[in-house]
Amino acid sequence: MSQYKSDLLRLLDERGYIHQLTDAAGLDALAQRQVVPGYIGFDATAPSLHVGSLVQIMLLRRLQQAGHKPIVVMGGGTTKIGDPSGKDESRKLLTTESIQANIASIRTVFETMLTFGDGPTDAVMIDNAEWLDGLGYVELLREVGPHFTINRMLTFDSVKLRLEREQPLTFLEFNYMILQAYDFRELSQRLGCRLQMGGSDQWGNIVNGIELARRMDGTEVYGVTTPLLTTADGAKMGKTAQGAVWLNEAQLPGYDFWQYWRNADDRDVGRFLRLFTDLPLEEVARLEALQGAEINQAKIVLANEVTKLVRGEEAARTAQATAAATFAGGGMGEDLPVLMVPSEGIRLGQACTEIGFTASNGEAKRKIAEGAVRIDDESVTDPGYLVLVAAGAERKLSLGRKRHAVLRGV
């Protein structure tokens, strides 16, 4: 049984989202009394968020499911600076135009996972450039600066990490934590926001915002952080040997997204089902108890449910059908990545790199020499092998047991 009384904290607790709370009793009581508007900030450094952000998006979904109001804050202002949390070096600065294009692209994922509108528990998306871009520097220093001490700012992990590694931390980035705190105070005033949520690396930034709101306005606001999410083998969530697992279709095909969840470690299945799906907890308990080869059924359920939430019902159906055709029937599903092959053919090593199986021709040569690459399920060990595909015909290219692509003749 959960120790909490509000639907919100019980839901977050039972599904494994809570790492730290600034004032558990206060937030629990508030969530029983009223609709709590809560926010999470997302920087727009790329056209898509990746799986590492999915637990935060799910937090906003859970907030809405428990009868509260999600506020998605896009960092149109703060992205111009860059969050130093967890970063070894400075990010390159983006133009306002590219930040706005990224925000428009990122919004599409939120629209599939949250209900937006004008109702009391409908989600809203807001860009912090609305208030940060108009701030006068001297005005900000006078109004907000006295509430921050350099002594305290130097104790934050995001600052200490850079200093210990003797990596430069620019004065621009040093301001990030002040602006994030200012966001919380601004959202409290504009939208009655009472809760900020985020990953465990955001604890210091969240506490800063709570203190700023209290000192400047006497307002009581709250913070929740989620545990640092790693896979059972210790890898950071959303990072693979092939690169980031992007949430948007344009950055990662549906089949590859589905396959990431299908390939989850057995030990992660229950936790991922609780965090990333809406399946009832009794069903999650049943699935995670499956043993041996049966656990693969739970992984297919996981892949289908997450893909459905993030990409939609059709994407999940197509990806599963592709997997079934590829693995069970030895055929080729409609959702596999496709490489068009000219009439003169393509070298096998080049094909592996162009389809994204390998990061370089050197890596492709090694994989082929190891016997990991197959054409139409037959192993080929010569990197210079010329793959010919008749116009309109298709051949299957495979790397290992789990990565497949279509070579189509033109």
Protein backbone atom coordinates (compact mmCIF):
# COMPACT_ATOMS: atom_id res chain seq x y z
CA MET A 1 0.00 0.00 0.00
CA SER A 2 1.20 3.49 -0.82
CA GLN A 3 1.92 5.86 2.06
CA TYR A 4 0.19 8.72 0.19
CA LYS A 5 -3.46 9.78 0.28
CA SER A 6 -3.80 11.76 -2.97
CA ASP A 7 -4.47 9.93 -6.24
CA LEU A 8 -1.52 11.80 -7.78
CA LEU A 9 1.23 10.73 -5.37
CA ARG A 10 -0.20 7.23 -5.02
CA LEU A 11 -0.08 6.79 -8.80
CA LEU A 12 3.48 8.16 -9.06
CA ASP A 13 4.63 6.05 -6.11
CA GLU A 14 3.09 2.76 -7.26
CA ARG A 15 4.51 3.06 -10.77
CA GLY A 16 8.03 3.96 -9.65
CA TYR A 17 8.38 7.66 -10.55
CA ILE A 18 9.32 9.18 -7.19
CA HIS A 19 12.96 9.75 -6.24
CA GLN A 20 12.78 12.95 -4.16
CA LEU A 21 9.97 15.24 -2.94
CA THR A 22 10.56 18.70 -1.47
CA ASP A 23 7.55 18.50 0.89
CA ALA A 24 5.65 15.23 0.53
CA ALA A 25 2.94 16.01 3.10
CA GLY A 26 2.30 19.49 1.70
CA LEU A 27 1.99 18.32 -1.91
CA ASP A 28 -0.12 15.30 -0.89
CA ALA A 29 -2.56 17.59 0.92
CA LEU A 30 -2.66 20.12 -1.95
CA ALA A 31 -3.36 17.38 -4.53
CA GLN A 32 -6.36 16.22 -2.47
CA ARG A 33 -7.71 19.79 -2.22
CA GLN A 34 -7.40 21.20 -5.73
CA VAL A 35 -6.27 20.73 -9.32
CA VAL A 36 -2.48 21.11 -9.24
CA PRO A 37 -0.90 22.67 -12.34
CA GLY A 38 2.57 21.11 -12.72
CA TYR A 39 5.32 21.65 -15.25
CA ILE A 40 8.41 20.11 -16.77
CA GLY A 41 10.79 22.07 -18.98
CA PHE A 42 12.27 20.67 -22.21
CA ASP A 43 15.09 22.30 -24.13
CA ALA A 44 14.73 22.34 -27.91
CA THR A 45 18.27 21.41 -28.95
CA ALA A 46 17.11 18.94 -31.66
CA PRO A 47 13.97 18.34 -33.79
CA SER A 48 13.01 15.45 -31.48
CA LEU A 49 13.36 14.43 -27.85
CA HIS A 50 14.71 10.93 -27.26
CA VAL A 51 13.75 8.04 -25.01
CA GLY A 52 15.72 9.62 -22.15
CA SER A 53 12.93 12.26 -21.96
CA LEU A 54 10.09 9.75 -22.10
CA VAL A 55 9.83 9.25 -18.34
CA GLN A 56 9.28 13.03 -17.99
CA ILE A 57 6.58 13.05 -20.68
CA MET A 58 4.94 10.10 -18.92
CA LEU A 59 5.05 12.08 -15.64
CA LEU A 60 2.95 14.80 -17.29
CA ARG A 61 0.60 12.11 -18.61
CA ARG A 62 0.25 10.65 -15.09
CA LEU A 63 -0.41 14.15 -13.72
CA GLN A 64 -3.30 14.49 -16.18
CA GLN A 65 -4.58 10.95 -15.49
CA ALA A 66 -4.77 11.83 -11.78
CA GLY A 67 -6.98 14.87 -12.55
CA HIS A 68 -4.35 17.63 -12.61
CA LYS A 69 -3.05 20.07 -15.23
CA PRO A 70 0.16 19.43 -17.22
CA ILE A 71 2.18 22.44 -18.39
CA VAL A 72 4.78 21.66 -21.06
CA VAL A 73 7.42 24.38 -20.99
CA MET A 74 9.50 24.55 -24.14
CA GLY A 75 12.82 26.27 -23.54
CA GLY A 76 12.80 28.70 -26.43
CA GLY A 77 14.62 31.12 -24.12
CA THR A 78 16.82 28.78 -22.07
CA THR A 79 17.90 26.74 -25.13
CA LYS A 80 19.75 29.88 -26.22
CA ILE A 81 21.99 29.30 -23.19
CA GLY A 82 22.13 25.52 -22.69
CA ASP A 83 21.64 23.56 -19.46
CA PRO A 84 25.05 22.59 -18.04
CA SER A 85 23.50 19.75 -15.95
CA GLY A 86 25.20 16.46 -16.81
CA LYS A 87 27.23 18.03 -19.62
CA ASP A 88 31.02 17.85 -19.83
CA GLU A 89 31.26 20.70 -22.29
CA SER A 90 29.40 23.69 -23.68
CA ARG A 91 26.71 23.12 -26.30
CA LYS A 92 26.89 24.97 -29.58
CA LEU A 93 24.47 27.90 -29.66
CA LEU A 94 21.41 27.58 -31.91
CA THR A 95 19.63 30.32 -33.86
CA THR A 96 16.15 31.44 -32.81
CA GLU A 97 14.77 30.05 -36.10
CA SER A 98 16.19 26.56 -35.57
CA ILE A 99 14.96 26.52 -31.95
CA GLN A 100 11.42 27.42 -33.09
CA ALA A 101 11.52 24.72 -35.81
CA ASN A 102 12.63 22.18 -33.19
CA ILE A 103 9.76 23.19 -30.87
CA ALA A 104 7.19 22.72 -33.67
CA SER A 105 8.59 19.26 -34.39
CA ILE A 106 8.76 18.21 -30.71
CA ARG A 107 5.15 19.31 -30.10
CA THR A 108 3.82 16.45 -32.26
CA VAL A 109 4.86 13.80 -29.69
CA PHE A 110 3.20 15.68 -26.82
CA GLU A 111 -0.01 15.90 -28.85
CA THR A 112 -0.25 12.09 -29.04
CA MET A 113 0.43 11.62 -25.31
CA LEU A 114 -1.46 14.49 -23.62
CA THR A 115 -4.91 16.05 -24.07
CA PHE A 116 -4.52 19.75 -24.91
CA GLY A 117 -7.28 22.34 -24.58
CA ASP A 118 -8.78 25.08 -22.41
CA GLY A 119 -10.28 22.91 -19.65
CA PRO A 120 -9.04 22.92 -16.03
CA THR A 121 -7.03 19.70 -16.49
CA ASP A 122 -6.16 20.15 -20.18
CA ALA A 123 -2.49 20.39 -21.05
CA VAL A 124 -0.95 23.63 -22.28
CA MET A 125 2.37 24.23 -24.00
CA ILE A 126 4.20 27.46 -23.30
CA ASP A 127 7.55 28.81 -24.50
CA ASN A 128 9.73 30.48 -21.86
CA ALA A 129 11.02 32.87 -24.54
CA GLU A 130 7.69 34.68 -23.92
CA TRP A 131 9.07 36.15 -20.71
CA LEU A 132 12.83 35.54 -20.86
CA ASP A 133 13.38 37.31 -24.22
CA GLY A 134 11.86 40.51 -22.88
CA LEU A 135 13.84 40.68 -19.65
CA GLY A 136 16.15 43.63 -19.17
CA TYR A 137 19.50 42.38 -17.88
CA VAL A 138 19.95 45.01 -15.19
CA GLU A 139 16.30 44.60 -14.13
CA LEU A 140 16.82 40.82 -13.76
CA LEU A 141 20.04 41.32 -11.78
CA ARG A 142 18.34 43.74 -9.40
CA GLU A 143 15.17 41.71 -8.97
CA VAL A 144 16.45 38.13 -8.91
CA GLY A 145 20.22 38.39 -8.34
CA PRO A 146 20.09 39.13 -4.58
CA HIS A 147 18.34 35.78 -3.97
CA PHE A 148 21.30 33.74 -5.28
CA THR A 149 24.73 33.41 -3.68
CA ILE A 150 27.78 32.36 -5.68
CA ASN A 151 28.82 30.16 -2.70
CA ARG A 152 25.65 28.08 -3.09
CA MET A 153 25.73 28.03 -6.88
CA LEU A 154 29.24 26.56 -6.76
CA THR A 155 27.94 23.58 -4.76
CA PHE A 156 25.63 22.35 -7.55
CA ASP A 157 26.69 19.17 -9.32
CA SER A 158 26.34 20.74 -12.77
CA VAL A 159 28.95 23.35 -11.78
CA LYS A 160 31.19 21.09 -9.69
CA LEU A 161 31.48 18.49 -12.47
CA ARG A 162 32.88 20.99 -14.94
CA LEU A 163 35.25 22.58 -12.43
CA GLU A 164 36.59 19.23 -11.21
CA ARG A 165 37.27 18.14 -14.79
CA GLU A 166 38.78 21.53 -15.59
CA GLN A 167 36.26 21.94 -18.41
CA PRO A 168 35.20 25.53 -19.06
CA LEU A 169 31.82 26.58 -17.66
CA THR A 170 30.88 29.81 -19.39
CA PHE A 171 29.26 32.71 -17.57
CA LEU A 172 26.37 32.29 -20.02
CA GLU A 173 25.71 28.72 -18.81
CA PHE A 174 26.24 29.73 -15.18
CA ASN A 175 23.09 31.87 -15.56
CA TYR A 176 20.96 28.90 -16.62
CA MET A 177 19.98 27.90 -13.07
CA ILE A 178 18.84 31.46 -12.32
CA LEU A 179 16.63 31.54 -15.42
CA GLN A 180 15.12 28.11 -14.65
CA ALA A 181 14.27 29.30 -11.13
CA TYR A 182 12.76 32.43 -12.65
CA ASP A 183 10.63 30.19 -14.94
CA PHE A 184 9.04 28.48 -11.91
CA ARG A 185 8.26 31.80 -10.27
CA GLU A 186 6.83 33.19 -13.55
CA LEU A 187 4.65 30.08 -14.12
CA SER A 188 3.43 30.33 -10.54
CA GLN A 189 2.27 33.89 -11.19
CA ARG A 190 0.92 33.39 -14.73
CA LEU A 191 -0.74 29.97 -14.50
CA GLY A 192 -0.97 29.21 -10.77
CA CYS A 193 1.65 26.48 -11.27
CA ARG A 194 2.41 24.75 -7.96
CA LEU A 195 4.65 21.86 -8.99
CA GLN A 196 7.85 21.36 -10.96
CA MET A 197 8.93 17.86 -11.92
CA GLY A 198 12.13 16.61 -13.50
CA GLY A 199 14.96 14.09 -13.49
CA SER A 200 17.15 13.67 -10.43
CA ASP A 201 19.83 15.88 -12.05
CA GLN A 202 17.34 18.79 -11.84
CA TRP A 203 16.94 18.70 -8.03
CA GLY A 204 19.15 21.76 -7.44
CA ASN A 205 17.41 23.78 -10.17
CA ILE A 206 13.96 22.85 -8.79
CA VAL A 207 14.90 23.78 -5.21
CA ASN A 208 16.21 27.13 -6.48
CA GLY A 209 12.83 27.87 -8.07
CA ILE A 210 10.94 26.91 -4.92
CA GLU A 211 13.08 29.22 -2.80
CA LEU A 212 12.79 32.08 -5.30
CA ALA A 213 8.96 31.85 -5.37
CA ARG A 214 8.87 31.82 -1.57
CA ARG A 215 11.26 34.77 -1.16
CA MET A 216 9.81 37.00 -3.88
CA ASP A 217 6.09 36.20 -3.57
CA GLY A 218 5.64 34.16 -0.38
CA THR A 219 4.16 31.37 -2.55
CA GLU A 220 4.42 27.71 -1.51
CA VAL A 221 5.40 25.53 -4.49
CA TYR A 222 6.67 21.95 -4.69
CA GLY A 223 9.13 19.70 -6.49
CA VAL A 224 9.29 16.02 -7.51
CA THR A 225 12.23 14.27 -9.15
CA THR A 226 12.36 10.86 -10.82
CA PRO A 227 15.15 8.31 -10.30
CA LEU A 228 18.08 8.41 -12.73
CA LEU A 229 16.96 5.91 -15.33
CA THR A 230 19.49 3.34 -16.51
CA THR A 231 18.98 -0.04 -18.12
CA ALA A 232 19.78 -3.22 -16.16
CA ASP A 233 23.26 -3.35 -17.69
CA GLY A 234 24.01 0.18 -16.45
CA ALA A 235 23.62 2.01 -19.79
CA LYS A 236 21.93 5.41 -19.92
CA MET A 237 18.32 5.20 -21.07
CA GLY A 238 17.82 6.01 -24.76
CA LYS A 239 21.44 5.57 -25.84
CA THR A 240 22.44 2.60 -28.01
CA ALA A 241 25.49 1.65 -30.03
CA GLN A 242 23.59 2.96 -33.08
CA GLY A 243 22.87 6.35 -31.45
CA ALA A 244 19.93 8.04 -29.71
CA VAL A 245 16.47 6.43 -29.71
CA TRP A 246 14.45 9.39 -31.00
CA LEU A 247 10.74 9.76 -30.28
CA ASN A 248 9.83 11.38 -33.64
CA GLU A 249 9.28 9.23 -36.72
CA ALA A 250 11.37 11.56 -38.89
CA GLN A 251 14.44 10.91 -36.73
CA LEU A 252 13.92 7.15 -36.19
CA PRO A 253 11.73 4.72 -38.21
CA GLY A 254 8.83 3.10 -36.36
CA TYR A 255 10.28 -0.39 -36.68
CA ASP A 256 13.59 0.63 -35.04
CA PHE A 257 11.68 2.35 -32.21
CA TRP A 258 9.54 -0.77 -31.64
CA GLN A 259 12.62 -2.99 -31.80
CA TYR A 260 14.40 -0.97 -29.06
CA TRP A 261 11.66 -1.97 -26.58
CA ARG A 262 11.40 -5.53 -27.95
CA ASN A 263 15.13 -5.94 -27.20
CA ALA A 264 14.84 -4.75 -23.57
CA ASP A 265 16.80 -6.69 -20.96
CA ASP A 266 14.60 -9.30 -19.20
CA ARG A 267 15.32 -7.54 -15.87
CA ASP A 268 13.91 -4.22 -17.17
CA VAL A 269 10.56 -5.47 -18.49
CA GLY A 270 8.44 -4.96 -15.34
CA ARG A 271 9.91 -1.54 -14.56
CA PHE A 272 9.46 -0.33 -18.15
CA LEU A 273 5.85 -1.59 -18.27
CA ARG A 274 5.07 0.39 -15.09
CA LEU A 275 6.80 3.57 -16.26
CA PHE A 276 6.04 3.66 -19.98
CA THR A 277 2.62 2.02 -20.45
CA ASP A 278 -0.92 2.44 -19.11
CA LEU A 279 -1.34 -1.29 -18.45
CA PRO A 280 -2.95 -2.04 -15.05
CA LEU A 281 -0.43 -2.98 -12.35
CA GLU A 282 -1.95 -6.49 -11.98
CA GLU A 283 -1.27 -7.13 -15.69
CA VAL A 284 2.28 -5.76 -15.32
CA ALA A 285 2.86 -8.16 -12.38
CA ARG A 286 1.64 -11.09 -14.50
CA LEU A 287 3.86 -10.18 -17.46
CA GLU A 288 7.02 -9.58 -15.45
CA ALA A 289 6.61 -12.96 -13.71
CA LEU A 290 6.89 -14.83 -17.04
CA GLN A 291 9.96 -17.05 -17.25
CA GLY A 292 12.27 -18.34 -19.98
CA ALA A 293 11.16 -17.83 -23.56
CA GLU A 294 7.74 -16.59 -22.38
CA ILE A 295 9.28 -13.28 -21.29
CA ASN A 296 9.52 -12.49 -25.02
CA GLN A 297 5.72 -12.20 -25.05
CA ALA A 298 5.98 -9.53 -22.34
CA LYS A 299 8.58 -7.69 -24.43
CA ILE A 300 6.28 -7.69 -27.46
CA VAL A 301 3.50 -6.26 -25.26
CA LEU A 302 5.97 -3.61 -24.00
CA ALA A 303 7.06 -2.70 -27.54
CA ASN A 304 3.45 -2.50 -28.77
CA GLU A 305 2.19 -0.43 -25.83
CA VAL A 306 5.04 2.12 -25.88
CA THR A 307 4.95 2.46 -29.67
CA LYS A 308 1.16 2.94 -29.52
CA LEU A 309 1.51 5.73 -26.94
CA VAL A 310 4.33 7.57 -28.70
CA ARG A 311 3.73 6.84 -32.40
CA GLY A 312 0.09 5.77 -32.55
CA GLU A 313 -1.86 2.52 -33.03
CA GLU A 314 -0.99 2.13 -36.72
CA ALA A 315 2.78 2.43 -36.11
CA ALA A 316 2.64 -0.30 -33.44
CA ARG A 317 0.61 -2.62 -35.68
CA THR A 318 2.94 -2.13 -38.67
CA ALA A 319 6.10 -2.62 -36.60
CA GLN A 320 4.84 -5.86 -35.03
CA ALA A 321 3.74 -7.19 -38.43
CA THR A 322 7.17 -6.34 -39.85
CA ALA A 323 8.89 -8.13 -36.97
CA ALA A 324 6.68 -11.20 -37.43
CA ALA A 325 7.35 -11.32 -41.18
CA THR A 326 11.09 -10.78 -40.72
CA PHE A 327 11.71 -13.22 -37.89
CA ALA A 328 9.03 -15.88 -38.18
CA GLY A 329 8.51 -16.03 -41.92
CA GLY A 330 12.03 -15.16 -43.04
CA GLY A 331 10.37 -12.56 -45.27
CA MET A 332 10.41 -8.79 -45.26
CA GLY A 333 7.90 -6.56 -43.51
CA GLU A 334 6.67 -3.25 -44.89
CA ASP A 335 8.21 -1.14 -42.12
CA LEU A 336 11.91 -2.02 -42.58
CA PRO A 337 14.35 0.73 -43.65
CA VAL A 338 14.88 0.76 -47.43
CA LEU A 339 18.05 1.51 -49.44
CA MET A 340 17.64 2.11 -53.17
CA VAL A 341 20.35 0.26 -55.14
CA PRO A 342 21.37 1.52 -58.63
CA SER A 343 21.59 -0.88 -61.57
CA GLU A 344 25.41 -1.09 -61.25
CA GLY A 345 25.01 -2.43 -57.68
CA ILE A 346 26.54 -1.38 -54.35
CA ARG A 347 29.45 -2.71 -52.29
CA LEU A 348 28.27 -4.57 -49.20
CA GLY A 349 30.32 -2.45 -46.76
CA GLN A 350 28.94 0.76 -48.26
CA ALA A 351 25.37 -0.59 -48.06
CA CYS A 352 25.78 -1.33 -44.32
CA THR A 353 26.95 2.22 -43.65
CA GLU A 354 24.38 3.95 -45.87
CA ILE A 355 21.45 2.09 -44.26
CA GLY A 356 22.78 3.06 -40.80
CA PHE A 357 23.82 -0.42 -39.58
CA THR A 358 27.38 0.81 -39.11
CA ALA A 359 28.84 4.23 -38.38
CA SER A 360 31.75 3.92 -40.86
CA ASN A 361 33.05 1.73 -43.67
CA GLY A 362 35.79 0.53 -41.30
CA GLU A 363 33.19 -0.74 -38.84
CA ALA A 364 31.26 -2.33 -41.72
CA LYS A 365 34.38 -4.23 -42.84
CA ARG A 366 34.90 -5.61 -39.33
CA LYS A 367 31.26 -6.74 -39.00
CA ILE A 368 31.32 -8.40 -42.43
CA ALA A 369 34.65 -10.14 -41.70
CA GLU A 370 33.14 -11.47 -38.43
CA GLY A 371 30.30 -13.07 -40.41
CA ALA A 372 27.64 -10.82 -38.81
CA VAL A 373 26.22 -9.57 -42.15
CA ARG A 374 23.85 -11.58 -44.33
CA ILE A 375 22.21 -11.10 -47.72
CA ASP A 376 18.90 -12.99 -47.99
CA ASP A 377 19.84 -14.89 -44.82
CA GLU A 378 23.17 -16.09 -46.32
CA SER A 379 26.37 -14.94 -44.57
CA VAL A 380 28.80 -12.89 -46.72
CA THR A 381 32.35 -12.23 -45.42
CA ASP A 382 33.79 -10.11 -48.27
CA PRO A 383 33.31 -6.34 -47.62
CA GLY A 384 33.89 -5.66 -51.32
CA TYR A 385 31.11 -8.04 -52.37
CA LEU A 386 29.01 -6.33 -55.05
CA VAL A 387 25.32 -6.55 -54.24
CA LEU A 388 23.19 -6.50 -57.41
CA VAL A 389 19.42 -6.01 -57.25
CA ALA A 390 17.24 -6.13 -60.37
CA ALA A 391 14.99 -3.12 -61.00
CA GLY A 392 11.85 -3.44 -58.86
CA ALA A 393 13.22 -6.47 -57.00
CA GLU A 394 14.13 -6.61 -53.29
CA ARG A 395 16.80 -8.34 -51.24
CA LYS A 396 17.13 -8.55 -47.46
CA LEU A 397 20.21 -7.17 -45.71
CA SER A 398 20.72 -8.28 -42.07
CA LEU A 399 23.21 -7.41 -39.33
CA GLY A 400 23.13 -9.96 -36.51
CA ARG A 401 19.74 -11.40 -35.59
CA LYS A 402 17.91 -8.16 -34.85
CA ARG A 403 18.69 -5.59 -37.56
CA HIS A 404 17.21 -5.92 -41.02
CA ALA A 405 16.75 -3.70 -44.08
CA VAL A 406 15.44 -3.89 -47.64
CA LEU A 407 17.70 -3.35 -50.65
CA ARG A 408 15.47 -2.31 -53.57
CA GLY A 409 16.63 -2.15 -57.18
CA VAL A 410 16.01 1.00 -59.23
